Amino acid sequence: MSALGVFNSTTSTAILMYSHGIEITDAAHPIYSRSYSKLGNDNALNGCGDDKKCTIDIVALTNEGESIDIGNIIVAMDNKMQIFQINSLPDSKYKITKQDGINSIEITQNTSGN
C-alpha cells in the first residue's frame, strides 16, 4: 500500500492536509501533537484525483482555534506517494522536513525566531 508518514512533533498543534481544496485528512481525527499517522493513497486520491504529482497543503490548527498555513509537499502519486518536494513557508512558525530513510515528513515548531 502506498502511504505518506506524517510525524507531528509540535507541542500544541493539530495538523490537517488538503489537496485542490479538498480535505484529505479527517477533520474529526486530525494528526494531533506528538503523534505519528499515515496518509494513505485512498485518502490522497480524494483530492489528488489523476494527478501524477500532487500538491498537498498542510495547515496547523492551534489550541486557540487558529488555522495557520505551514506550506506544502509534492508527492509522486504514480510512485507510491514518494516525496518529490517540500515547501515550508519561510515566515511560518512551523517547519516541514523529510525524515531520513523513510517516506515520511516531520512537522516541527520553527526555532529560527520566526
PDB file of N, CA and C in Angstrom:
ATOM      1  N   MET A   1       0.835  -1.184   0.000  1.00  0.00           N
ATOM      2  CA  MET A   1       0.000   0.000   0.000  1.00  0.00           C
ATOM      3  C   MET A   1       0.881   1.249   0.000  1.00  0.00           C
ATOM      4  N   SER A   2       0.497   2.215  -0.778  1.00  0.00           N
ATOM      5  CA  SER A   2       1.212   3.489  -0.819  1.00  0.00           C
ATOM      6  C   SER A   2       0.746   4.368   0.326  1.00  0.00           C
ATOM      7  N   ALA A   3       1.705   5.009   0.989  1.00  0.00           N
ATOM      8  CA  ALA A   3       1.346   5.887   2.099  1.00  0.00           C
ATOM      9  C   ALA A   3       2.462   6.886   2.349  1.00  0.00           C
ATOM     10  N   LEU A   4       2.070   7.970   2.976  1.00  0.00           N
ATOM     11  CA  LEU A   4       2.998   9.002   3.407  1.00  0.00           C
ATOM     12  C   LEU A   4       2.912   9.075   4.925  1.00  0.00           C
ATOM     13  N   GLY A   5       4.036   8.930   5.602  1.00  0.00           N
ATOM     14  CA  GLY A   5       4.057   9.056   7.051  1.00  0.00           C
ATOM     15  C   GLY A   5       4.131  10.523   7.446  1.00  0.00           C
ATOM     16  N   VAL A   6       3.407  10.879   8.498  1.00  0.00           N
ATOM     17  CA  VAL A   6       3.406  12.259   8.994  1.00  0.00           C
ATOM     18  C   VAL A   6       3.623  12.221  10.498  1.00  0.00           C
ATOM     19  N   PHE A   7       4.734  12.815  10.953  1.00  0.00           N
ATOM     20  CA  PHE A   7       5.029  12.903  12.378  1.00  0.00           C
ATOM     21  C   PHE A   7       4.850  14.349  12.807  1.00  0.00           C
ATOM     22  N   ASN A   8       3.905  14.582  13.687  1.00  0.00           N
ATOM     23  CA  ASN A   8       3.640  15.918  14.217  1.00  0.00           C
ATOM     24  C   ASN A   8       4.339  16.015  15.565  1.00  0.00           C
ATOM     25  N   SER A   9       5.500  16.655  15.599  1.00  0.00           N
ATOM     26  CA  SER A   9       6.247  16.749  16.855  1.00  0.00           C
ATOM     27  C   SER A   9       6.027  18.081  17.569  1.00  0.00           C
ATOM     28  N   THR A  10       5.027  18.840  17.139  1.00  0.00           N
ATOM     29  CA  THR A  10       4.717  20.093  17.833  1.00  0.00           C
ATOM     30  C   THR A  10       4.081  19.788  19.181  1.00  0.00           C
ATOM     31  N   THR A  11       4.049  20.789  20.052  1.00  0.00           N
ATOM     32  CA  THR A  11       3.531  20.559  21.400  1.00  0.00           C
ATOM     33  C   THR A  11       2.052  20.879  21.563  1.00  0.00           C
ATOM     34  N   SER A  12       1.481  21.691  20.676  1.00  0.00           N
ATOM     35  CA  SER A  12       0.083  22.084  20.905  1.00  0.00           C
ATOM     36  C   SER A  12      -0.669  22.367  19.614  1.00  0.00           C
ATOM     37  N   THR A  13      -0.376  21.620  18.577  1.00  0.00           N
ATOM     38  CA  THR A  13      -0.967  21.894  17.278  1.00  0.00           C
ATOM     39  C   THR A  13      -1.438  20.601  16.629  1.00  0.00           C
ATOM     40  N   ALA A  14      -2.629  20.631  16.040  1.00  0.00           N
ATOM     41  CA  ALA A  14      -3.112  19.517  15.230  1.00  0.00           C
ATOM     42  C   ALA A  14      -2.875  19.870  13.763  1.00  0.00           C
ATOM     43  N   ILE A  15      -2.728  18.859  12.922  1.00  0.00           N
ATOM     44  CA  ILE A  15      -2.404  19.060  11.512  1.00  0.00           C
ATOM     45  C   ILE A  15      -3.531  18.514  10.632  1.00  0.00           C
ATOM     46  N   LEU A  16      -3.903  19.304   9.624  1.00  0.00           N
ATOM     47  CA  LEU A  16      -4.823  18.864   8.576  1.00  0.00           C
ATOM     48  C   LEU A  16      -4.114  19.009   7.235  1.00  0.00           C
ATOM     49  N   MET A  17      -4.536  18.185   6.253  1.00  0.00           N
ATOM     50  CA  MET A  17      -3.919  18.221   4.926  1.00  0.00           C
ATOM     51  C   MET A  17      -5.015  18.322   3.870  1.00  0.00           C
ATOM     52  N   TYR A  18      -4.721  19.106   2.827  1.00  0.00           N
ATOM     53  CA  TYR A  18      -5.677  19.362   1.748  1.00  0.00           C
ATOM     54  C   TYR A  18      -4.987  19.204   0.399  1.00  0.00           C
ATOM     55  N   SER A  19      -5.778  18.871  -0.614  1.00  0.00           N
ATOM     56  CA  SER A  19      -5.303  18.922  -1.993  1.00  0.00           C
ATOM     57  C   SER A  19      -6.443  19.441  -2.855  1.00  0.00           C
ATOM     58  N   HIS A  20      -6.153  20.433  -3.666  1.00  0.00           N
ATOM     59  CA  HIS A  20      -7.172  21.076  -4.506  1.00  0.00           C
ATOM     60  C   HIS A  20      -8.356  21.542  -3.663  1.00  0.00           C
ATOM     61  N   GLY A  21      -8.094  21.987  -2.441  1.00  0.00           N
ATOM     62  CA  GLY A  21      -9.141  22.484  -1.553  1.00  0.00           C
ATOM     63  C   GLY A  21      -9.966  21.407  -0.878  1.00  0.00           C
ATOM     64  N   ILE A  22      -9.646  20.155  -1.120  1.00  0.00           N
ATOM     65  CA  ILE A  22     -10.384  19.035  -0.532  1.00  0.00           C
ATOM     66  C   ILE A  22      -9.577  18.474   0.626  1.00  0.00           C
ATOM     67  N   GLU A  23     -10.225  18.382   1.785  1.00  0.00           N
ATOM     68  CA  GLU A  23      -9.526  17.838   2.948  1.00  0.00           C
ATOM     69  C   GLU A  23      -9.268  16.349   2.748  1.00  0.00           C
ATOM     70  N   ILE A  24      -8.016  15.947   2.917  1.00  0.00           N
ATOM     71  CA  ILE A  24      -7.666  14.536   2.734  1.00  0.00           C
ATOM     72  C   ILE A  24      -7.265  13.868   4.046  1.00  0.00           C
ATOM     73  N   THR A  25      -7.275  14.646   5.130  1.00  0.00           N
ATOM     74  CA  THR A  25      -7.219  14.054   6.467  1.00  0.00           C
ATOM     75  C   THR A  25      -8.613  14.223   7.043  1.00  0.00           C
ATOM     76  N   ASP A  26      -8.935  13.498   8.042  1.00  0.00           N
ATOM     77  CA  ASP A  26     -10.259  13.542   8.645  1.00  0.00           C
ATOM     78  C   ASP A  26     -10.307  14.656   9.685  1.00  0.00           C
ATOM     79  N   ALA A  27     -11.156  15.661   9.468  1.00  0.00           N
ATOM     80  CA  ALA A  27     -11.243  16.799  10.398  1.00  0.00           C
ATOM     81  C   ALA A  27     -11.611  16.346  11.804  1.00  0.00           C
ATOM     82  N   ALA A  28     -12.365  15.269  11.907  1.00  0.00           N
ATOM     83  CA  ALA A  28     -12.726  14.756  13.227  1.00  0.00           C
ATOM     84  C   ALA A  28     -11.542  14.055  13.888  1.00  0.00           C
ATOM     85  N   HIS A  29     -10.549  13.686  13.094  1.00  0.00           N
ATOM     86  CA  HIS A  29      -9.361  12.997  13.599  1.00  0.00           C
ATOM     87  C   HIS A  29      -8.106  13.575  12.958  1.00  0.00           C
ATOM     88  N   PRO A  30      -7.781  14.836  13.264  1.00  0.00           N
ATOM     89  CA  PRO A  30      -6.555  15.407  12.694  1.00  0.00           C
ATOM     90  C   PRO A  30      -5.327  14.704  13.277  1.00  0.00           C
ATOM     91  N   ILE A  31      -4.169  15.038  12.758  1.00  0.00           N
ATOM     92  CA  ILE A  31      -2.926  14.473  13.277  1.00  0.00           C
ATOM     93  C   ILE A  31      -2.527  15.329  14.477  1.00  0.00           C
ATOM     94  N   TYR A  32      -2.768  14.810  15.664  1.00  0.00           N
ATOM     95  CA  TYR A  32      -2.567  15.573  16.891  1.00  0.00           C
ATOM     96  C   TYR A  32      -1.091  15.751  17.215  1.00  0.00           C
ATOM     97  N   SER A  33      -0.824  16.695  18.129  1.00  0.00           N
ATOM     98  CA  SER A  33       0.553  16.969  18.531  1.00  0.00           C
ATOM     99  C   SER A  33       1.198  15.715  19.109  1.00  0.00           C
ATOM    100  N   ARG A  34       2.482  15.612  18.841  1.00  0.00           N
ATOM    101  CA  ARG A  34       3.305  14.497  19.316  1.00  0.00           C
ATOM    102  C   ARG A  34       2.733  13.134  18.921  1.00  0.00           C
ATOM    103  N   SER A  35       2.287  13.040  17.672  1.00  0.00           N
ATOM    104  CA  SER A  35       1.774  11.755  17.203  1.00  0.00           C
ATOM    105  C   SER A  35       2.207  11.504  15.760  1.00  0.00           C
ATOM    106  N   TYR A  36       2.148  10.235  15.374  1.00  0.00           N
ATOM    107  CA  TYR A  36       2.532   9.794  14.037  1.00  0.00           C
ATOM    108  C   TYR A  36       1.303   9.214  13.364  1.00  0.00           C
ATOM    109  N   SER A  37       1.128   9.524  12.096  1.00  0.00           N
ATOM    110  CA  SER A  37      -0.002   8.999  11.347  1.00  0.00           C
ATOM    111  C   SER A  37       0.443   8.726   9.923  1.00  0.00           C
ATOM    112  N   LYS A  38      -0.376   7.999   9.197  1.00  0.00           N
ATOM    113  CA  LYS A  38      -0.103   7.748   7.785  1.00  0.00           C
ATOM    114  C   LYS A  38      -1.250   8.308   6.959  1.00  0.00           C
ATOM    115  N   LEU A  39      -0.886   8.945   5.861  1.00  0.00           N
ATOM    116  CA  LEU A  39      -1.860   9.388   4.879  1.00  0.00           C
ATOM    117  C   LEU A  39      -1.825   8.365   3.757  1.00  0.00           C
ATOM    118  N   GLY A  40      -2.894   7.596   3.647  1.00  0.00           N
ATOM    119  CA  GLY A  40      -2.938   6.536   2.654  1.00  0.00           C
ATOM    120  C   GLY A  40      -3.274   7.038   1.261  1.00  0.00           C
ATOM    121  N   ASN A  41      -2.946   6.229   0.287  1.00  0.00           N
ATOM    122  CA  ASN A  41      -3.201   6.550  -1.107  1.00  0.00           C
ATOM    123  C   ASN A  41      -4.685   6.827  -1.356  1.00  0.00           C
ATOM    124  N   ASP A  42      -5.571   6.041  -0.750  1.00  0.00           N
ATOM    125  CA  ASP A  42      -7.007   6.234  -0.960  1.00  0.00           C
ATOM    126  C   ASP A  42      -7.455   7.612  -0.500  1.00  0.00           C
ATOM    127  N   ASN A  43      -6.969   8.055   0.660  1.00  0.00           N
ATOM    128  CA  ASN A  43      -7.309   9.396   1.141  1.00  0.00           C
ATOM    129  C   ASN A  43      -6.779  10.458   0.188  1.00  0.00           C
ATOM    130  N   ALA A  44      -5.530  10.313  -0.236  1.00  0.00           N
ATOM    131  CA  ALA A  44      -4.909  11.303  -1.116  1.00  0.00           C
ATOM    132  C   ALA A  44      -5.640  11.391  -2.450  1.00  0.00           C
ATOM    133  N   LEU A  45      -6.113  10.262  -2.963  1.00  0.00           N
ATOM    134  CA  LEU A  45      -6.816  10.263  -4.248  1.00  0.00           C
ATOM    135  C   LEU A  45      -8.077  11.117  -4.210  1.00  0.00           C
ATOM    136  N   ASN A  46      -8.698  11.259  -3.041  1.00  0.00           N
ATOM    137  CA  ASN A  46      -9.895  12.100  -2.928  1.00  0.00           C
ATOM    138  C   ASN A  46      -9.621  13.524  -3.383  1.00  0.00           C
ATOM    139  N   GLY A  47      -8.431  14.034  -3.121  1.00  0.00           N
ATOM    140  CA  GLY A  47      -8.080  15.386  -3.532  1.00  0.00           C
ATOM    141  C   GLY A  47      -7.199  15.432  -4.761  1.00  0.00           C
ATOM    142  N   CYS A  48      -6.326  14.449  -4.902  1.00  0.00           N
ATOM    143  CA  CYS A  48      -5.341  14.471  -5.992  1.00  0.00           C
ATOM    144  C   CYS A  48      -5.908  13.996  -7.322  1.00  0.00           C
ATOM    145  N   GLY A  49      -6.928  13.163  -7.260  1.00  0.00           N
ATOM    146  CA  GLY A  49      -7.516  12.651  -8.495  1.00  0.00           C
ATOM    147  C   GLY A  49      -6.490  11.934  -9.348  1.00  0.00           C
ATOM    148  N   ASP A  50      -6.402  12.333 -10.616  1.00  0.00           N
ATOM    149  CA  ASP A  50      -5.495  11.691 -11.570  1.00  0.00           C
ATOM    150  C   ASP A  50      -4.122  12.348 -11.639  1.00  0.00           C
ATOM    151  N   ASP A  51      -3.841  13.303 -10.748  1.00  0.00           N
ATOM    152  CA  ASP A  51      -2.544  13.990 -10.771  1.00  0.00           C
ATOM    153  C   ASP A  51      -1.405  12.985 -10.606  1.00  0.00           C
ATOM    154  N   LYS A  52      -0.397  13.090 -11.456  1.00  0.00           N
ATOM    155  CA  LYS A  52       0.800  12.248 -11.286  1.00  0.00           C
ATOM    156  C   LYS A  52       1.674  12.807 -10.167  1.00  0.00           C
ATOM    157  N   LYS A  53       1.763  14.130 -10.095  1.00  0.00           N
ATOM    158  CA  LYS A  53       2.430  14.809  -8.979  1.00  0.00           C
ATOM    159  C   LYS A  53       1.362  15.652  -8.298  1.00  0.00           C
ATOM    160  N   CYS A  54       1.173  15.432  -7.027  1.00  0.00           N
ATOM    161  CA  CYS A  54       0.079  16.069  -6.295  1.00  0.00           C
ATOM    162  C   CYS A  54       0.629  16.983  -5.204  1.00  0.00           C
ATOM    163  N   THR A  55       0.118  18.202  -5.159  1.00  0.00           N
ATOM    164  CA  THR A  55       0.482  19.146  -4.108  1.00  0.00           C
ATOM    165  C   THR A  55      -0.475  18.969  -2.936  1.00  0.00           C
ATOM    166  N   ILE A  56       0.098  18.755  -1.764  1.00  0.00           N
ATOM    167  CA  ILE A  56      -0.686  18.593  -0.538  1.00  0.00           C
ATOM    168  C   ILE A  56      -0.363  19.761   0.380  1.00  0.00           C
ATOM    169  N   ASP A  57      -1.381  20.588   0.639  1.00  0.00           N
ATOM    170  CA  ASP A  57      -1.225  21.744   1.522  1.00  0.00           C
ATOM    171  C   ASP A  57      -1.369  21.296   2.967  1.00  0.00           C
ATOM    172  N   ILE A  58      -0.534  21.863   3.840  1.00  0.00           N
ATOM    173  CA  ILE A  58      -0.522  21.470   5.249  1.00  0.00           C
ATOM    174  C   ILE A  58      -0.901  22.671   6.101  1.00  0.00           C
ATOM    175  N   VAL A  59      -1.877  22.454   6.988  1.00  0.00           N
ATOM    176  CA  VAL A  59      -2.413  23.515   7.841  1.00  0.00           C
ATOM    177  C   VAL A  59      -2.328  23.072   9.296  1.00  0.00           C
ATOM    178  N   ALA A  60      -1.881  23.987  10.156  1.00  0.00           N
ATOM    179  CA  ALA A  60      -1.835  23.731  11.600  1.00  0.00           C
ATOM    180  C   ALA A  60      -3.071  24.336  12.245  1.00  0.00           C
ATOM    181  N   LEU A  61      -3.645  23.631  13.195  1.00  0.00           N
ATOM    182  CA  LEU A  61      -4.762  24.133  13.992  1.00  0.00           C
ATOM    183  C   LEU A  61      -4.271  24.291  15.423  1.00  0.00           C
ATOM    184  N   THR A  62      -4.208  25.525  15.901  1.00  0.00           N
ATOM    185  CA  THR A  62      -3.707  25.762  17.251  1.00  0.00           C
ATOM    186  C   THR A  62      -4.795  25.486  18.279  1.00  0.00           C
ATOM    187  N   ASN A  63      -4.398  25.382  19.536  1.00  0.00           N
ATOM    188  CA  ASN A  63      -5.369  25.198  20.616  1.00  0.00           C
ATOM    189  C   ASN A  63      -6.341  26.364  20.709  1.00  0.00           C
ATOM    190  N   GLU A  64      -5.932  27.527  20.194  1.00  0.00           N
ATOM    191  CA  GLU A  64      -6.783  28.715  20.216  1.00  0.00           C
ATOM    192  C   GLU A  64      -7.755  28.733  19.039  1.00  0.00           C
ATOM    193  N   GLY A  65      -7.731  27.716  18.185  1.00  0.00           N
ATOM    194  CA  GLY A  65      -8.633  27.624  17.046  1.00  0.00           C
ATOM    195  C   GLY A  65      -8.146  28.330  15.796  1.00  0.00           C
ATOM    196  N   GLU A  66      -6.910  28.780  15.797  1.00  0.00           N
ATOM    197  CA  GLU A  66      -6.345  29.482  14.650  1.00  0.00           C
ATOM    198  C   GLU A  66      -5.822  28.473  13.617  1.00  0.00           C
ATOM    199  N   SER A  67      -6.110  28.731  12.337  1.00  0.00           N
ATOM    200  CA  SER A  67      -5.567  27.921  11.239  1.00  0.00           C
ATOM    201  C   SER A  67      -4.365  28.638  10.653  1.00  0.00           C
ATOM    202  N   ILE A  68      -3.249  27.935  10.547  1.00  0.00           N
ATOM    203  CA  ILE A  68      -2.013  28.530  10.049  1.00  0.00           C
ATOM    204  C   ILE A  68      -1.489  27.686   8.894  1.00  0.00           C
ATOM    205  N   ASP A  69      -1.322  28.316   7.727  1.00  0.00           N
ATOM    206  CA  ASP A  69      -0.694  27.621   6.602  1.00  0.00           C
ATOM    207  C   ASP A  69       0.770  27.375   6.935  1.00  0.00           C
ATOM    208  N   ILE A  70       1.207  26.135   6.784  1.00  0.00           N
ATOM    209  CA  ILE A  70       2.590  25.767   7.076  1.00  0.00           C
ATOM    210  C   ILE A  70       3.409  25.691   5.792  1.00  0.00           C
ATOM    211  N   GLY A  71       2.799  25.227   4.730  1.00  0.00           N
ATOM    212  CA  GLY A  71       3.480  25.024   3.463  1.00  0.00           C
ATOM    213  C   GLY A  71       2.826  23.871   2.729  1.00  0.00           C
ATOM    214  N   ASN A  72       3.589  23.207   1.874  1.00  0.00           N
ATOM    215  CA  ASN A  72       3.034  22.068   1.157  1.00  0.00           C
ATOM    216  C   ASN A  72       4.141  21.080   0.807  1.00  0.00           C
ATOM    217  N   ILE A  73       3.686  19.916   0.407  1.00  0.00           N
ATOM    218  CA  ILE A  73       4.600  18.908  -0.112  1.00  0.00           C
ATOM    219  C   ILE A  73       4.048  18.452  -1.458  1.00  0.00           C
ATOM    220  N   ILE A  74       4.923  17.998  -2.312  1.00  0.00           N
ATOM    221  CA  ILE A  74       4.512  17.432  -3.589  1.00  0.00           C
ATOM    222  C   ILE A  74       4.922  15.971  -3.570  1.00  0.00           C
ATOM    223  N   VAL A  75       3.954  15.099  -3.832  1.00  0.00           N
ATOM    224  CA  VAL A  75       4.220  13.662  -3.833  1.00  0.00           C
ATOM    225  C   VAL A  75       3.963  13.103  -5.231  1.00  0.00           C
ATOM    226  N   ALA A  76       4.682  12.059  -5.564  1.00  0.00           N
ATOM    227  CA  ALA A  76       4.519  11.371  -6.848  1.00  0.00           C
ATOM    228  C   ALA A  76       3.464  10.285  -6.672  1.00  0.00           C
ATOM    229  N   MET A  77       2.259  10.565  -7.119  1.00  0.00           N
ATOM    230  CA  MET A  77       1.164   9.608  -6.956  1.00  0.00           C
ATOM    231  C   MET A  77       1.394   8.350  -7.790  1.00  0.00           C
ATOM    232  N   ASP A  78       2.157   8.474  -8.860  1.00  0.00           N
ATOM    233  CA  ASP A  78       2.435   7.318  -9.707  1.00  0.00           C
ATOM    234  C   ASP A  78       3.654   6.524  -9.227  1.00  0.00           C
ATOM    235  N   ASN A  79       4.202   6.909  -8.057  1.00  0.00           N
ATOM    236  CA  ASN A  79       5.354   6.204  -7.485  1.00  0.00           C
ATOM    237  C   ASN A  79       5.184   6.054  -5.970  1.00  0.00           C
ATOM    238  N   LYS A  80       4.075   5.455  -5.563  1.00  0.00           N
ATOM    239  CA  LYS A  80       3.820   5.118  -4.157  1.00  0.00           C
ATOM    240  C   LYS A  80       3.889   6.315  -3.210  1.00  0.00           C
ATOM    241  N   MET A  81       3.447   7.475  -3.689  1.00  0.00           N
ATOM    242  CA  MET A  81       3.396   8.698  -2.878  1.00  0.00           C
ATOM    243  C   MET A  81       4.776   9.133  -2.384  1.00  0.00           C
ATOM    244  N   GLN A  82       5.812   8.816  -3.140  1.00  0.00           N
ATOM    245  CA  GLN A  82       7.158   9.248  -2.764  1.00  0.00           C
ATOM    246  C   GLN A  82       7.221  10.770  -2.732  1.00  0.00           C
ATOM    247  N   ILE A  83       7.901  11.293  -1.737  1.00  0.00           N
ATOM    248  CA  ILE A  83       8.035  12.741  -1.585  1.00  0.00           C
ATOM    249  C   ILE A  83       8.926  13.271  -2.706  1.00  0.00           C
ATOM    250  N   PHE A  84       8.398  14.230  -3.457  1.00  0.00           N
ATOM    251  CA  PHE A  84       9.127  14.841  -4.562  1.00  0.00           C
ATOM    252  C   PHE A  84       9.733  16.177  -4.142  1.00  0.00           C
ATOM    253  N   GLN A  85       8.977  16.953  -3.358  1.00  0.00           N
ATOM    254  CA  GLN A  85       9.439  18.283  -2.951  1.00  0.00           C
ATOM    255  C   GLN A  85       8.726  18.704  -1.671  1.00  0.00           C
ATOM    256  N   ILE A  86       9.433  19.475  -0.832  1.00  0.00           N
ATOM    257  CA  ILE A  86       8.866  20.039   0.397  1.00  0.00           C
ATOM    258  C   ILE A  86       9.029  21.547   0.342  1.00  0.00           C
ATOM    259  N   ASN A  87       7.952  22.259   0.630  1.00  0.00           N
ATOM    260  CA  ASN A  87       7.967  23.721   0.600  1.00  0.00           C
ATOM    261  C   ASN A  87       7.415  24.265   1.912  1.00  0.00           C
ATOM    262  N   SER A  88       8.296  24.562   2.854  1.00  0.00           N
ATOM    263  CA  SER A  88       7.873  25.219   4.098  1.00  0.00           C
ATOM    264  C   SER A  88       7.773  26.711   3.827  1.00  0.00           C
ATOM    265  N   LEU A  89       6.754  27.359   4.378  1.00  0.00           N
ATOM    266  CA  LEU A  89       6.662  28.809   4.241  1.00  0.00           C
ATOM    267  C   LEU A  89       7.748  29.443   5.101  1.00  0.00           C
ATOM    268  N   PRO A  90       8.531  30.372   4.554  1.00  0.00           N
ATOM    269  CA  PRO A  90       9.672  30.922   5.294  1.00  0.00           C
ATOM    270  C   PRO A  90       9.287  31.700   6.548  1.00  0.00           C
ATOM    271  N   ASP A  91       8.104  32.291   6.584  1.00  0.00           N
ATOM    272  CA  ASP A  91       7.708  33.083   7.751  1.00  0.00           C
ATOM    273  C   ASP A  91       6.776  32.321   8.692  1.00  0.00           C
ATOM    274  N   SER A  92       6.661  31.019   8.488  1.00  0.00           N
ATOM    275  CA  SER A  92       5.773  30.210   9.317  1.00  0.00           C
ATOM    276  C   SER A  92       6.402  29.909  10.676  1.00  0.00           C
ATOM    277  N   LYS A  93       5.544  29.678  11.660  1.00  0.00           N
ATOM    278  CA  LYS A  93       6.007  29.259  12.986  1.00  0.00           C
ATOM    279  C   LYS A  93       6.375  27.776  12.996  1.00  0.00           C
ATOM    280  N   TYR A  94       6.153  27.106  11.855  1.00  0.00           N
ATOM    281  CA  TYR A  94       6.362  25.667  11.754  1.00  0.00           C
ATOM    282  C   TYR A  94       7.255  25.346  10.564  1.00  0.00           C
ATOM    283  N   LYS A  95       7.846  24.158  10.592  1.00  0.00           N
ATOM    284  CA  LYS A  95       8.750  23.728   9.531  1.00  0.00           C
ATOM    285  C   LYS A  95       8.431  22.288   9.157  1.00  0.00           C
ATOM    286  N   ILE A  96       8.508  21.998   7.860  1.00  0.00           N
ATOM    287  CA  ILE A  96       8.292  20.645   7.344  1.00  0.00           C
ATOM    288  C   ILE A  96       9.642  20.107   6.877  1.00  0.00           C
ATOM    289  N   THR A  97      10.010  18.925   7.347  1.00  0.00           N
ATOM    290  CA  THR A  97      11.252  18.297   6.893  1.00  0.00           C
ATOM    291  C   THR A  97      10.991  16.834   6.554  1.00  0.00           C
ATOM    292  N   LYS A  98      11.813  16.289   5.660  1.00  0.00           N
ATOM    293  CA  LYS A  98      11.718  14.872   5.324  1.00  0.00           C
ATOM    294  C   LYS A  98      12.509  14.085   6.350  1.00  0.00           C
ATOM    295  N   GLN A  99      11.934  12.988   6.812  1.00  0.00           N
ATOM    296  CA  GLN A  99      12.648  12.115   7.734  1.00  0.00           C
ATOM    297  C   GLN A  99      13.563  11.202   6.925  1.00  0.00           C
ATOM    298  N   ASP A 100      14.774  11.037   7.391  1.00  0.00           N
ATOM    299  CA  ASP A 100      15.778  10.248   6.678  1.00  0.00           C
ATOM    300  C   ASP A 100      15.359   8.792   6.534  1.00  0.00           C
ATOM    301  N   GLY A 101      15.542   8.265   5.328  1.00  0.00           N
ATOM    302  CA  GLY A 101      15.398   6.840   5.091  1.00  0.00           C
ATOM    303  C   GLY A 101      13.988   6.317   4.917  1.00  0.00           C
ATOM    304  N   ILE A 102      12.980   7.118   5.188  1.00  0.00           N
ATOM    305  CA  ILE A 102      11.605   6.645   5.053  1.00  0.00           C
ATOM    306  C   ILE A 102      10.780   7.710   4.340  1.00  0.00           C
ATOM    307  N   ASN A 103       9.670   7.303   3.788  1.00  0.00           N
ATOM    308  CA  ASN A 103       8.792   8.230   3.075  1.00  0.00           C
ATOM    309  C   ASN A 103       7.873   8.926   4.078  1.00  0.00           C
ATOM    310  N   SER A 104       8.472   9.790   4.896  1.00  0.00           N
ATOM    311  CA  SER A 104       7.737  10.486   5.949  1.00  0.00           C
ATOM    312  C   SER A 104       8.217  11.920   6.073  1.00  0.00           C
ATOM    313  N   ILE A 105       7.312  12.756   6.578  1.00  0.00           N
ATOM    314  CA  ILE A 105       7.677  14.128   6.903  1.00  0.00           C
ATOM    315  C   ILE A 105       7.502  14.333   8.399  1.00  0.00           C
ATOM    316  N   GLU A 106       8.214  15.322   8.909  1.00  0.00           N
ATOM    317  CA  GLU A 106       8.061  15.724  10.308  1.00  0.00           C
ATOM    318  C   GLU A 106       7.704  17.203  10.325  1.00  0.00           C
ATOM    319  N   ILE A 107       6.747  17.552  11.154  1.00  0.00           N
ATOM    320  CA  ILE A 107       6.349  18.945  11.325  1.00  0.00           C
ATOM    321  C   ILE A 107       6.802  19.371  12.709  1.00  0.00           C
ATOM    322  N   THR A 108       7.633  20.409  12.735  1.00  0.00           N
ATOM    323  CA  THR A 108       8.199  20.900  13.989  1.00  0.00           C
ATOM    324  C   THR A 108       7.902  22.383  14.136  1.00  0.00           C
ATOM    325  N   GLN A 109       8.043  22.862  15.368  1.00  0.00           N
ATOM    326  CA  GLN A 109       7.938  24.293  15.595  1.00  0.00           C
ATOM    327  C   GLN A 109       9.251  24.923  15.164  1.00  0.00           C
ATOM    328  N   ASN A 110       9.158  26.023  14.418  1.00  0.00           N
ATOM    329  CA  ASN A 110      10.330  26.699  13.884  1.00  0.00           C
ATOM    330  C   ASN A 110      11.051  27.416  15.016  1.00  0.00           C
ATOM    331  N   THR A 111      12.330  27.124  15.176  1.00  0.00           N
ATOM    332  CA  THR A 111      13.111  27.738  16.256  1.00  0.00           C
ATOM    333  C   THR A 111      14.035  28.833  15.752  1.00  0.00           C
ATOM    334  N   SER A 112      13.843  29.259  14.496  1.00  0.00           N
ATOM    335  CA  SER A 112      14.742  30.273  13.935  1.00  0.00           C
ATOM    336  C   SER A 112      14.309  31.691  14.275  1.00  0.00           C
ATOM    337  N   GLY A 113      13.375  31.822  15.209  1.00  0.00           N
ATOM    338  CA  GLY A 113      12.959  33.148  15.638  1.00  0.00           C
ATOM    339  C   GLY A 113      11.776  33.697  14.881  1.00  0.00           C
ATOM    340  N   ASN A 114      11.220  32.939  13.950  1.00  0.00           N
ATOM    341  CA  ASN A 114      10.047  33.392  13.200  1.00  0.00           C
ATOM    342  C   ASN A 114       8.778  33.006  13.907  1.00  0.00           C
TER     343      ASN A 114
END
